[in-house]
PDB file of N, CA and C in Angstrom:
ATOM      1  N   MET A   1     -22.784  -5.595 -69.225  1.00  0.00           N
ATOM      2  CA  MET A   1     -22.165  -6.546 -68.105  1.00  0.00           C
ATOM      3  C   MET A   1     -20.980  -5.893 -67.394  1.00  0.00           C
ATOM      4  N   THR A   2     -21.238  -5.846 -66.049  1.00  0.00           N
ATOM      5  CA  THR A   2     -20.699  -4.759 -65.085  1.00  0.00           C
ATOM      6  C   THR A   2     -19.194  -5.783 -65.147  1.00  0.00           C
ATOM      7  N   PRO A   3     -17.964  -4.582 -65.064  1.00  0.00           N
ATOM      8  CA  PRO A   3     -16.761  -5.430 -65.147  1.00  0.00           C
ATOM      9  C   PRO A   3     -16.473  -5.535 -63.919  1.00  0.00           C
ATOM     10  N   ILE A   4     -15.839  -6.541 -63.729  1.00  0.00           N
ATOM     11  CA  ILE A   4     -15.461  -7.283 -62.018  1.00  0.00           C
ATOM     12  C   ILE A   4     -13.871  -6.055 -62.149  1.00  0.00           C
ATOM     13  N   ARG A   5     -14.168  -6.350 -60.563  1.00  0.00           N
ATOM     14  CA  ARG A   5     -12.855  -5.573 -60.317  1.00  0.00           C
ATOM     15  C   ARG A   5     -11.587  -6.418 -60.638  1.00  0.00           C
ATOM     16  N   VAL A   6     -10.048  -5.742 -60.219  1.00  0.00           N
ATOM     17  CA  VAL A   6      -9.178  -6.352 -60.276  1.00  0.00           C
ATOM     18  C   VAL A   6      -9.310  -7.064 -58.938  1.00  0.00           C
ATOM     19  N   ASN A   7      -9.303  -6.126 -57.820  1.00  0.00           N
ATOM     20  CA  ASN A   7      -9.397  -6.198 -56.437  1.00  0.00           C
ATOM     21  C   ASN A   7     -10.246  -7.356 -56.321  1.00  0.00           C
ATOM     22  N   ASP A   8     -10.997  -7.463 -56.769  1.00  0.00           N
ATOM     23  CA  ASP A   8     -12.079  -8.415 -56.317  1.00  0.00           C
ATOM     24  C   ASP A   8     -11.913  -9.747 -56.336  1.00  0.00           C
ATOM     25  N   ILE A   9     -11.051 -10.255 -57.738  1.00  0.00           N
ATOM     26  CA  ILE A   9      -9.974 -11.533 -58.148  1.00  0.00           C
ATOM     27  C   ILE A   9      -9.496 -12.246 -56.885  1.00  0.00           C
ATOM     28  N   LYS A  10      -8.683 -10.710 -56.239  1.00  0.00           N
ATOM     29  CA  LYS A  10      -7.443 -10.878 -55.240  1.00  0.00           C
ATOM     30  C   LYS A  10      -8.005 -11.397 -54.146  1.00  0.00           C
ATOM     31  N   GLN A  11      -9.418 -10.590 -53.898  1.00  0.00           N
ATOM     32  CA  GLN A  11     -10.378 -10.906 -52.145  1.00  0.00           C
ATOM     33  C   GLN A  11     -11.120 -12.519 -52.558  1.00  0.00           C
ATOM     34  N   TYR A  12     -11.382 -12.643 -53.813  1.00  0.00           N
ATOM     35  CA  TYR A  12     -12.197 -14.326 -54.183  1.00  0.00           C
ATOM     36  C   TYR A  12     -11.051 -14.830 -53.451  1.00  0.00           C
ATOM     37  N   ALA A  13      -9.694 -14.735 -53.956  1.00  0.00           N
ATOM     38  CA  ALA A  13      -8.894 -15.903 -53.884  1.00  0.00           C
ATOM     39  C   ALA A  13      -8.337 -16.014 -52.386  1.00  0.00           C
ATOM     40  N   TYR A  14      -8.444 -15.017 -51.307  1.00  0.00           N
ATOM     41  CA  TYR A  14      -8.145 -15.456 -50.197  1.00  0.00           C
ATOM     42  C   TYR A  14      -9.513 -15.536 -49.394  1.00  0.00           C
ATOM     43  N   CYS A  15     -10.725 -15.267 -50.045  1.00  0.00           N
ATOM     44  CA  CYS A  15     -11.881 -15.751 -49.274  1.00  0.00           C
ATOM     45  C   CYS A  15     -13.496 -15.581 -50.266  1.00  0.00           C
ATOM     46  N   PRO A  16     -13.800 -16.548 -50.531  1.00  0.00           N
ATOM     47  CA  PRO A  16     -14.843 -16.238 -51.789  1.00  0.00           C
ATOM     48  C   PRO A  16     -16.326 -15.230 -51.228  1.00  0.00           C
ATOM     49  N   ARG A  17     -16.064 -15.542 -49.756  1.00  0.00           N
ATOM     50  CA  ARG A  17     -17.214 -15.206 -48.892  1.00  0.00           C
ATOM     51  C   ARG A  17     -16.946 -13.481 -48.665  1.00  0.00           C
ATOM     52  N   VAL A  18     -16.128 -13.066 -48.650  1.00  0.00           N
ATOM     53  CA  VAL A  18     -15.625 -11.587 -48.423  1.00  0.00           C
ATOM     54  C   VAL A  18     -16.113 -10.849 -49.911  1.00  0.00           C
ATOM     55  N   VAL A  19     -15.923 -11.220 -51.170  1.00  0.00           N
ATOM     56  CA  VAL A  19     -17.015 -10.865 -52.493  1.00  0.00           C
ATOM     57  C   VAL A  19     -18.239 -10.745 -52.369  1.00  0.00           C
ATOM     58  N   PHE A  20     -19.095 -11.858 -51.733  1.00  0.00           N
ATOM     59  CA  PHE A  20     -20.350 -12.309 -51.749  1.00  0.00           C
ATOM     60  C   PHE A  20     -20.633 -11.200 -50.599  1.00  0.00           C
ATOM     61  N   TYR A  21     -20.351 -11.387 -49.572  1.00  0.00           N
ATOM     62  CA  TYR A  21     -20.845 -10.366 -48.558  1.00  0.00           C
ATOM     63  C   TYR A  21     -20.750  -8.845 -49.091  1.00  0.00           C
ATOM     64  N   GLN A  22     -19.938  -8.647 -50.015  1.00  0.00           N
ATOM     65  CA  GLN A  22     -20.020  -6.961 -50.508  1.00  0.00           C
ATOM     66  C   GLN A  22     -20.636  -6.961 -51.673  1.00  0.00           C
ATOM     67  N   TYR A  23     -21.165  -7.569 -52.361  1.00  0.00           N
ATOM     68  CA  TYR A  23     -21.923  -7.277 -53.613  1.00  0.00           C
ATOM     69  C   TYR A  23     -23.071  -8.024 -52.993  1.00  0.00           C
ATOM     70  N   CYS A  24     -23.364  -9.133 -52.115  1.00  0.00           N
ATOM     71  CA  CYS A  24     -25.037  -9.217 -52.113  1.00  0.00           C
ATOM     72  C   CYS A  24     -25.400  -8.493 -50.413  1.00  0.00           C
ATOM     73  N   MET A  25     -24.673  -8.547 -49.554  1.00  0.00           N
ATOM     74  CA  MET A  25     -25.308  -7.920 -48.395  1.00  0.00           C
ATOM     75  C   MET A  25     -24.244  -6.846 -48.152  1.00  0.00           C
ATOM     76  N   PRO A  26     -23.877  -5.696 -48.831  1.00  0.00           N
ATOM     77  CA  PRO A  26     -23.342  -4.576 -48.357  1.00  0.00           C
ATOM     78  C   PRO A  26     -23.278  -3.989 -46.930  1.00  0.00           C
ATOM     79  N   VAL A  27     -22.698  -3.633 -46.734  1.00  0.00           N
ATOM     80  CA  VAL A  27     -22.409  -2.592 -45.083  1.00  0.00           C
ATOM     81  C   VAL A  27     -21.990  -2.335 -45.331  1.00  0.00           C
ATOM     82  N   GLU A  28     -21.880  -0.975 -44.494  1.00  0.00           N
ATOM     83  CA  GLU A  28     -21.351   0.412 -44.507  1.00  0.00           C
ATOM     84  C   GLU A  28     -19.753   0.049 -43.204  1.00  0.00           C
ATOM     85  N   LYS A  29     -18.389  -0.041 -44.340  1.00  0.00           N
ATOM     86  CA  LYS A  29     -17.163  -0.166 -43.751  1.00  0.00           C
ATOM     87  C   LYS A  29     -16.633   0.809 -42.525  1.00  0.00           C
ATOM     88  N   LYS A  30     -16.508   0.560 -41.918  1.00  0.00           N
ATOM     89  CA  LYS A  30     -15.851   1.041 -40.800  1.00  0.00           C
ATOM     90  C   LYS A  30     -14.072   1.122 -41.104  1.00  0.00           C
ATOM     91  N   ALA A  31     -13.594   1.927 -41.407  1.00  0.00           N
ATOM     92  CA  ALA A  31     -12.224   1.906 -41.352  1.00  0.00           C
ATOM     93  C   ALA A  31     -11.272   1.379 -40.301  1.00  0.00           C
ATOM     94  N   THR A  32     -10.705   0.504 -40.443  1.00  0.00           N
ATOM     95  CA  THR A  32      -9.756  -0.048 -39.999  1.00  0.00           C
ATOM     96  C   THR A  32      -8.124   0.703 -39.095  1.00  0.00           C
ATOM     97  N   TRP A  33      -7.554   0.781 -38.770  1.00  0.00           N
ATOM     98  CA  TRP A  33      -6.278   1.563 -38.141  1.00  0.00           C
ATOM     99  C   TRP A  33      -5.382   1.042 -39.255  1.00  0.00           C
ATOM    100  N   LYS A  34      -5.108  -0.332 -39.765  1.00  0.00           N
ATOM    101  CA  LYS A  34      -4.163  -0.502 -40.262  1.00  0.00           C
ATOM    102  C   LYS A  34      -5.040   0.119 -42.248  1.00  0.00           C
ATOM    103  N   MET A  35      -5.988   0.403 -42.507  1.00  0.00           N
ATOM    104  CA  MET A  35      -6.743   0.900 -43.470  1.00  0.00           C
ATOM    105  C   MET A  35      -6.249   2.090 -43.731  1.00  0.00           C
ATOM    106  N   GLU A  36      -6.552   3.165 -42.511  1.00  0.00           N
ATOM    107  CA  GLU A  36      -5.837   4.115 -42.611  1.00  0.00           C
ATOM    108  C   GLU A  36      -4.756   4.324 -42.370  1.00  0.00           C
ATOM    109  N   GLN A  37      -3.522   3.639 -41.978  1.00  0.00           N
ATOM    110  CA  GLN A  37      -2.859   3.640 -41.867  1.00  0.00           C
ATOM    111  C   GLN A  37      -1.937   3.474 -43.620  1.00  0.00           C
ATOM    112  N   GLY A  38      -2.463   2.196 -44.348  1.00  0.00           N
ATOM    113  CA  GLY A  38      -2.335   2.396 -45.717  1.00  0.00           C
ATOM    114  C   GLY A  38      -2.212   3.359 -46.541  1.00  0.00           C
ATOM    115  N   LYS A  39      -3.343   3.834 -46.148  1.00  0.00           N
ATOM    116  CA  LYS A  39      -3.530   5.414 -47.402  1.00  0.00           C
ATOM    117  C   LYS A  39      -2.563   6.780 -46.745  1.00  0.00           C
ATOM    118  N   VAL A  40      -2.433   6.721 -45.350  1.00  0.00           N
ATOM    119  CA  VAL A  40      -1.007   7.279 -45.049  1.00  0.00           C
ATOM    120  C   VAL A  40       0.324   7.087 -45.610  1.00  0.00           C
ATOM    121  N   ALA A  41       0.624   5.438 -46.329  1.00  0.00           N
ATOM    122  CA  ALA A  41       1.803   5.455 -46.491  1.00  0.00           C
ATOM    123  C   ALA A  41       1.706   5.938 -48.201  1.00  0.00           C
ATOM    124  N   GLU A  42       0.722   5.301 -48.605  1.00  0.00           N
ATOM    125  CA  GLU A  42       0.062   5.560 -50.333  1.00  0.00           C
ATOM    126  C   GLU A  42       0.718   7.056 -50.151  1.00  0.00           C
ATOM    127  N   ALA A  43      -0.058   7.740 -49.501  1.00  0.00           N
ATOM    128  CA  ALA A  43       0.337   9.252 -50.092  1.00  0.00           C
ATOM    129  C   ALA A  43       1.531   9.437 -49.709  1.00  0.00           C
ATOM    130  N   GLU A  44       2.254   9.179 -48.580  1.00  0.00           N
ATOM    131  CA  GLU A  44       3.874   9.436 -48.709  1.00  0.00           C
ATOM    132  C   GLU A  44       4.413   8.402 -49.843  1.00  0.00           C
ATOM    133  N   ILE A  45       3.864   7.560 -50.255  1.00  0.00           N
ATOM    134  CA  ILE A  45       4.733   7.148 -51.504  1.00  0.00           C
ATOM    135  C   ILE A  45       4.423   8.077 -53.014  1.00  0.00           C
ATOM    136  N   ASP A  46       3.462   8.486 -52.879  1.00  0.00           N
ATOM    137  CA  ASP A  46       3.109   9.406 -54.041  1.00  0.00           C
ATOM    138  C   ASP A  46       4.400  10.556 -54.419  1.00  0.00           C
ATOM    139  N   LYS A  47       4.346  11.248 -52.801  1.00  0.00           N
ATOM    140  CA  LYS A  47       4.840  12.360 -52.588  1.00  0.00           C
ATOM    141  C   LYS A  47       6.247  12.267 -53.412  1.00  0.00           C
ATOM    142  N   LEU A  48       6.907  11.325 -53.150  1.00  0.00           N
ATOM    143  CA  LEU A  48       7.929  11.230 -53.271  1.00  0.00           C
ATOM    144  C   LEU A  48       8.479  10.531 -54.699  1.00  0.00           C
ATOM    145  N   GLU A  49       7.270   9.572 -55.241  1.00  0.00           N
ATOM    146  CA  GLU A  49       7.277   9.215 -56.609  1.00  0.00           C
ATOM    147  C   GLU A  49       7.402  10.469 -57.872  1.00  0.00           C
ATOM    148  N   LYS A  50       6.678  11.436 -57.150  1.00  0.00           N
ATOM    149  CA  LYS A  50       5.752  12.821 -58.122  1.00  0.00           C
ATOM    150  C   LYS A  50       7.400  13.640 -58.330  1.00  0.00           C
ATOM    151  N   ARG A  51       8.732  13.182 -57.215  1.00  0.00           N
ATOM    152  CA  ARG A  51       9.787  13.986 -57.395  1.00  0.00           C
ATOM    153  C   ARG A  51      10.399  13.067 -58.189  1.00  0.00           C
ATOM    154  N   ARG A  52      10.230  12.230 -57.725  1.00  0.00           N
ATOM    155  CA  ARG A  52      10.994  11.377 -59.243  1.00  0.00           C
ATOM    156  C   ARG A  52      11.656  11.659 -60.457  1.00  0.00           C
ATOM    157  N   LYS A  53      12.471  11.725 -61.047  1.00  0.00           N
ATOM    158  CA  LYS A  53      12.607  11.730 -62.607  1.00  0.00           C
ATOM    159  C   LYS A  53      12.754  11.002 -63.481  1.00  0.00           C
ATOM    160  N   LEU A  54      11.828  11.135 -64.891  1.00  0.00           N
ATOM    161  CA  LEU A  54      11.661  10.103 -65.925  1.00  0.00           C
ATOM    162  C   LEU A  54      13.229   8.977 -65.986  1.00  0.00           C
ATOM    163  N   ARG A  55      14.357   9.894 -65.960  1.00  0.00           N
ATOM    164  CA  ARG A  55      15.854   9.007 -65.716  1.00  0.00           C
ATOM    165  C   ARG A  55      15.683   8.149 -65.123  1.00  0.00           C
ATOM    166  N   GLU A  56      15.071   7.690 -63.959  1.00  0.00           N
ATOM    167  CA  GLU A  56      14.941   7.077 -63.028  1.00  0.00           C
ATOM    168  C   GLU A  56      14.730   5.642 -63.736  1.00  0.00           C
ATOM    169  N   TYR A  57      12.994   5.926 -64.515  1.00  0.00           N
ATOM    170  CA  TYR A  57      13.170   4.553 -65.262  1.00  0.00           C
ATOM    171  C   TYR A  57      13.678   4.341 -66.997  1.00  0.00           C
ATOM    172  N   ARG A  58      14.969   5.022 -67.040  1.00  0.00           N
ATOM    173  CA  ARG A  58      15.715   4.554 -68.078  1.00  0.00           C
ATOM    174  C   ARG A  58      14.717   5.214 -69.070  1.00  0.00           C
ATOM    175  N   LEU A  59      13.545   6.700 -68.895  1.00  0.00           N
ATOM    176  CA  LEU A  59      12.793   7.130 -70.085  1.00  0.00           C
ATOM    177  C   LEU A  59      13.713   8.295 -70.240  1.00  0.00           C
ATOM    178  N   ALA A  60      13.524   8.921 -71.481  1.00  0.00           N
ATOM    179  CA  ALA A  60      14.214   9.937 -71.960  1.00  0.00           C
ATOM    180  C   ALA A  60      12.922  11.311 -72.093  1.00  0.00           C
ATOM    181  N   ASP A  61      11.824  10.731 -71.908  1.00  0.00           N
ATOM    182  CA  ASP A  61      10.742  11.520 -71.688  1.00  0.00           C
ATOM    183  C   ASP A  61       9.415  10.655 -71.884  1.00  0.00           C
ATOM    184  N   GLY A  62       7.946  11.567 -71.459  1.00  0.00           N
ATOM    185  CA  GLY A  62       6.834  10.385 -71.547  1.00  0.00           C
ATOM    186  C   GLY A  62       5.883  11.673 -70.147  1.00  0.00           C
ATOM    187  N   GLU A  63       5.104  11.034 -69.392  1.00  0.00           N
ATOM    188  CA  GLU A  63       4.376  11.934 -69.090  1.00  0.00           C
ATOM    189  C   GLU A  63       3.778  10.683 -67.779  1.00  0.00           C
ATOM    190  N   ARG A  64       3.919  10.943 -66.701  1.00  0.00           N
ATOM    191  CA  ARG A  64       3.596  10.080 -65.293  1.00  0.00           C
ATOM    192  C   ARG A  64       2.097  10.369 -64.882  1.00  0.00           C
ATOM    193  N   ARG A  65       1.040   9.188 -64.622  1.00  0.00           N
ATOM    194  CA  ARG A  65      -0.199   9.889 -63.994  1.00  0.00           C
ATOM    195  C   ARG A  65      -0.121   8.873 -63.756  1.00  0.00           C
ATOM    196  N   PHE A  66      -1.306   9.469 -61.778  1.00  0.00           N
ATOM    197  CA  PHE A  66      -1.228   8.442 -60.704  1.00  0.00           C
ATOM    198  C   PHE A  66      -2.680   8.167 -60.663  1.00  0.00           C
ATOM    199  N   HIS A  67      -2.816   6.914 -60.155  1.00  0.00           N
ATOM    200  CA  HIS A  67      -4.243   6.579 -59.967  1.00  0.00           C
ATOM    201  C   HIS A  67      -5.256   6.567 -61.105  1.00  0.00           C
ATOM    202  N   VAL A  68      -5.363   6.245 -61.916  1.00  0.00           N
ATOM    203  CA  VAL A  68      -6.274   6.365 -63.031  1.00  0.00           C
ATOM    204  C   VAL A  68      -6.708   4.728 -63.014  1.00  0.00           C
ATOM    205  N   TRP A  69      -8.210   4.975 -63.240  1.00  0.00           N
ATOM    206  CA  TRP A  69      -8.914   3.876 -63.501  1.00  0.00           C
ATOM    207  C   TRP A  69      -9.451   3.216 -64.910  1.00  0.00           C
ATOM    208  N   LEU A  70      -9.091   1.946 -64.963  1.00  0.00           N
ATOM    209  CA  LEU A  70      -8.903   1.371 -66.794  1.00  0.00           C
ATOM    210  C   LEU A  70      -9.992   0.202 -66.609  1.00  0.00           C
ATOM    211  N   THR A  71     -10.661   0.543 -67.919  1.00  0.00           N
ATOM    212  CA  THR A  71     -12.205  -0.682 -67.992  1.00  0.00           C
ATOM    213  C   THR A  71     -11.422  -1.350 -68.621  1.00  0.00           C
ATOM    214  N   SER A  72     -11.493  -2.859 -69.494  1.00  0.00           N
ATOM    215  CA  SER A  72     -11.783  -3.471 -70.340  1.00  0.00           C
ATOM    216  C   SER A  72     -13.440  -3.760 -70.394  1.00  0.00           C
ATOM    217  N   GLY A  73     -14.256  -3.166 -71.313  1.00  0.00           N
ATOM    218  CA  GLY A  73     -15.150  -4.361 -71.683  1.00  0.00           C
ATOM    219  C   GLY A  73     -14.966  -5.483 -72.404  1.00  0.00           C
ATOM    220  N   ARG A  74     -13.573  -5.380 -73.244  1.00  0.00           N
ATOM    221  CA  ARG A  74     -13.559  -7.117 -73.640  1.00  0.00           C
ATOM    222  C   ARG A  74     -12.790  -8.201 -72.559  1.00  0.00           C
ATOM    223  N   ILE A  75     -12.247  -7.590 -71.681  1.00  0.00           N
ATOM    224  CA  ILE A  75     -11.975  -8.893 -70.428  1.00  0.00           C
ATOM    225  C   ILE A  75     -12.863  -8.689 -69.970  1.00  0.00           C
ATOM    226  N   GLY A  76     -13.812  -7.667 -69.085  1.00  0.00           N
ATOM    227  CA  GLY A  76     -14.492  -7.522 -68.158  1.00  0.00           C
ATOM    228  C   GLY A  76     -14.171  -6.887 -66.807  1.00  0.00           C
ATOM    229  N   LEU A  77     -13.228  -6.597 -66.525  1.00  0.00           N
ATOM    230  CA  LEU A  77     -12.428  -6.275 -65.786  1.00  0.00           C
ATOM    231  C   LEU A  77     -11.927  -4.837 -65.572  1.00  0.00           C
ATOM    232  N   SER A  78     -12.225  -4.104 -64.169  1.00  0.00           N
ATOM    233  CA  SER A  78     -11.624  -2.678 -64.090  1.00  0.00           C
ATOM    234  C   SER A  78     -10.647  -2.031 -63.118  1.00  0.00           C
ATOM    235  N   GLY A  79      -9.983  -1.613 -62.576  1.00  0.00           N
ATOM    236  CA  GLY A  79      -9.350  -1.252 -61.583  1.00  0.00           C
ATOM    237  C   GLY A  79      -8.162  -0.308 -61.804  1.00  0.00           C
ATOM    238  N   LYS A  80      -7.672  -0.085 -60.701  1.00  0.00           N
ATOM    239  CA  LYS A  80      -6.429   1.233 -60.775  1.00  0.00           C
ATOM    240  C   LYS A  80      -5.616   1.094 -60.641  1.00  0.00           C
ATOM    241  N   ILE A  81      -4.829   1.775 -61.149  1.00  0.00           N
ATOM    242  CA  ILE A  81      -3.364   1.751 -61.803  1.00  0.00           C
ATOM    243  C   ILE A  81      -2.684   2.714 -60.652  1.00  0.00           C
ATOM    244  N   ASP A  82      -1.900   2.588 -59.690  1.00  0.00           N
ATOM    245  CA  ASP A  82      -1.551   3.494 -58.998  1.00  0.00           C
ATOM    246  C   ASP A  82      -0.462   4.591 -59.894  1.00  0.00           C
ATOM    247  N   LEU A  83       0.247   4.207 -60.628  1.00  0.00           N
ATOM    248  CA  LEU A  83       1.478   4.602 -61.392  1.00  0.00           C
ATOM    249  C   LEU A  83       1.489   4.224 -62.812  1.00  0.00           C
TER     250      LEU A  83
END
């Protein structure tokens, strides 16, 4: 079974046709201005976040990882965690 992306659930709640067209009638998507601005904003947030110390999260030690894909075969979901 192919895992469902967490984002697909969000899209389905907004409009089920979006998910249908994405999987059943795929077309090459043209990036919109908002999509490009979102990428720029995400890069800025990442840059600031990487400078932040763990004590900001009340942690003594640990490792932060960015943009990690996780998949669960048990519940059939996959998604990317920002941080």
